[in-house]
Amino acid sequence: MTISRAASLLVAVGYLIAAVVATEGRDGRAWLLGVIVLPPLALIWFPDTFGNYLGPVSRGRRVDRKTPPVLIAIAGWFFLVGIPAILYFIGRSRE
C-alpha cells in the first residue's frame, strides 16, 4: 500500500468517525458519508485506470488523450480534502 493510499484511507476513516461522533450514532447517516468518499478514494487509489480512459463523455464529446495519473490523484485529493475544507471555512465565515 502506497503512502497516498494509506493517507487517503486514514482521512476517510477519520471523516466516518467524526460523522458517527457528531450524530452520536443516531440516524445511521454515517454510511452516506462513506458512500460520498468512495469516488475520491477511487481517484486516489486507481489514477492509472481513470487516466487511461479514452472514449465518449457526453453529447458526442470524446476524451482523445490520456490524462497523467498524477493529475487524477490530485483531483481525488481535492475532492477528499479540499472541498470539505473550503465548505468548512465558508460555514465558519457565516457565523
Protein backbone atom coordinates (compact mmCIF):
# COMPACT_ATOMS: atom_id res chain seq x y z
CA MET A 1 0.00 0.00 0.00
CA THR A 2 1.43 3.35 -1.01
CA ILE A 3 1.64 6.34 1.31
CA SER A 4 -1.06 8.13 -0.68
CA ARG A 5 -3.46 5.20 -0.37
CA ALA A 6 -2.83 4.81 3.35
CA ALA A 7 -3.21 8.55 3.99
CA SER A 8 -6.45 8.76 1.98
CA LEU A 9 -7.86 5.77 3.83
CA LEU A 10 -6.90 7.38 7.14
CA VAL A 11 -8.65 10.63 6.15
CA ALA A 12 -11.78 8.76 5.03
CA VAL A 13 -11.93 6.74 8.26
CA GLY A 14 -11.43 9.99 10.20
CA TYR A 15 -14.41 11.50 8.39
CA LEU A 16 -16.54 8.47 9.23
CA ILE A 17 -15.54 8.54 12.90
CA ALA A 18 -16.27 12.27 13.07
CA ALA A 19 -19.69 11.70 11.47
CA VAL A 20 -20.59 8.98 13.97
CA VAL A 21 -19.41 11.13 16.90
CA ALA A 22 -21.22 14.24 15.60
CA THR A 23 -24.50 12.40 15.18
CA GLU A 24 -23.93 10.37 18.35
CA GLY A 25 -24.63 7.24 16.33
CA ARG A 26 -28.25 8.25 15.73
CA ASP A 27 -29.95 8.31 12.38
CA GLY A 28 -27.44 5.88 10.86
CA ARG A 29 -26.47 8.50 8.29
CA ALA A 30 -22.73 7.98 8.63
CA TRP A 31 -22.98 5.36 5.87
CA LEU A 32 -23.98 8.15 3.48
CA LEU A 33 -20.66 9.86 4.10
CA GLY A 34 -18.99 6.52 3.43
CA VAL A 35 -20.65 6.43 0.03
CA ILE A 36 -19.69 10.04 -0.67
CA VAL A 37 -15.97 9.46 -0.03
CA LEU A 38 -15.78 6.44 -2.36
CA PRO A 39 -15.31 8.36 -5.67
CA PRO A 40 -12.40 10.48 -4.35
CA LEU A 41 -10.82 7.35 -2.88
CA ALA A 42 -11.16 5.63 -6.25
CA LEU A 43 -9.41 8.54 -7.97
CA ILE A 44 -6.55 8.39 -5.46
CA TRP A 45 -6.22 4.60 -5.42
CA PHE A 46 -6.57 3.94 -9.17
CA PRO A 47 -5.34 7.02 -11.07
CA ASP A 48 -3.84 4.92 -13.88
CA THR A 49 -7.19 3.33 -14.67
CA PHE A 50 -9.02 6.66 -14.81
CA GLY A 51 -6.16 8.38 -16.65
CA ASN A 52 -6.08 5.74 -19.39
CA TYR A 53 -9.75 6.20 -20.26
CA LEU A 54 -10.36 7.14 -23.87
CA GLY A 55 -13.87 7.36 -25.24
CA PRO A 56 -17.19 9.16 -25.10
CA VAL A 57 -18.02 11.53 -22.27
CA SER A 58 -21.35 13.17 -23.10
CA ARG A 59 -23.31 14.61 -26.01
CA GLY A 60 -20.91 13.38 -28.65
CA ARG A 61 -17.82 14.69 -26.85
CA ARG A 62 -14.87 12.33 -26.51
CA VAL A 63 -11.72 12.07 -24.44
CA ASP A 64 -8.96 11.63 -27.04
CA ARG A 65 -5.81 11.85 -24.88
CA LYS A 66 -4.70 10.06 -21.73
CA THR A 67 -4.62 12.09 -18.53
CA PRO A 68 -1.45 11.89 -16.40
CA PRO A 69 -2.18 9.78 -13.30
CA VAL A 70 -0.73 12.46 -11.01
CA LEU A 71 -3.45 14.89 -12.13
CA ILE A 72 -6.15 12.31 -11.42
CA ALA A 73 -4.73 11.70 -7.93
CA ILE A 74 -4.53 15.46 -7.26
CA ALA A 75 -8.19 15.78 -8.27
CA GLY A 76 -9.06 12.96 -5.86
CA TRP A 77 -7.23 14.71 -3.02
CA PHE A 78 -9.01 17.97 -3.87
CA PHE A 79 -12.39 16.24 -3.66
CA LEU A 80 -11.44 14.38 -0.47
CA VAL A 81 -9.77 17.23 1.46
CA GLY A 82 -10.01 20.48 -0.48
CA ILE A 83 -13.76 20.79 -0.94
CA PRO A 84 -14.62 19.85 2.67
CA ALA A 85 -12.06 22.39 3.92
CA ILE A 86 -13.49 25.12 1.69
CA LEU A 87 -17.03 24.33 2.83
CA TYR A 88 -15.92 24.35 6.46
CA PHE A 89 -14.35 27.80 6.17
CA ILE A 90 -17.34 29.18 4.28
CA GLY A 91 -19.62 27.90 7.03
CA ARG A 92 -17.39 29.42 9.72
CA SER A 93 -17.36 32.81 7.99
CA ARG A 94 -21.16 32.99 8.04
CA GLU A 95 -21.43 32.68 11.83
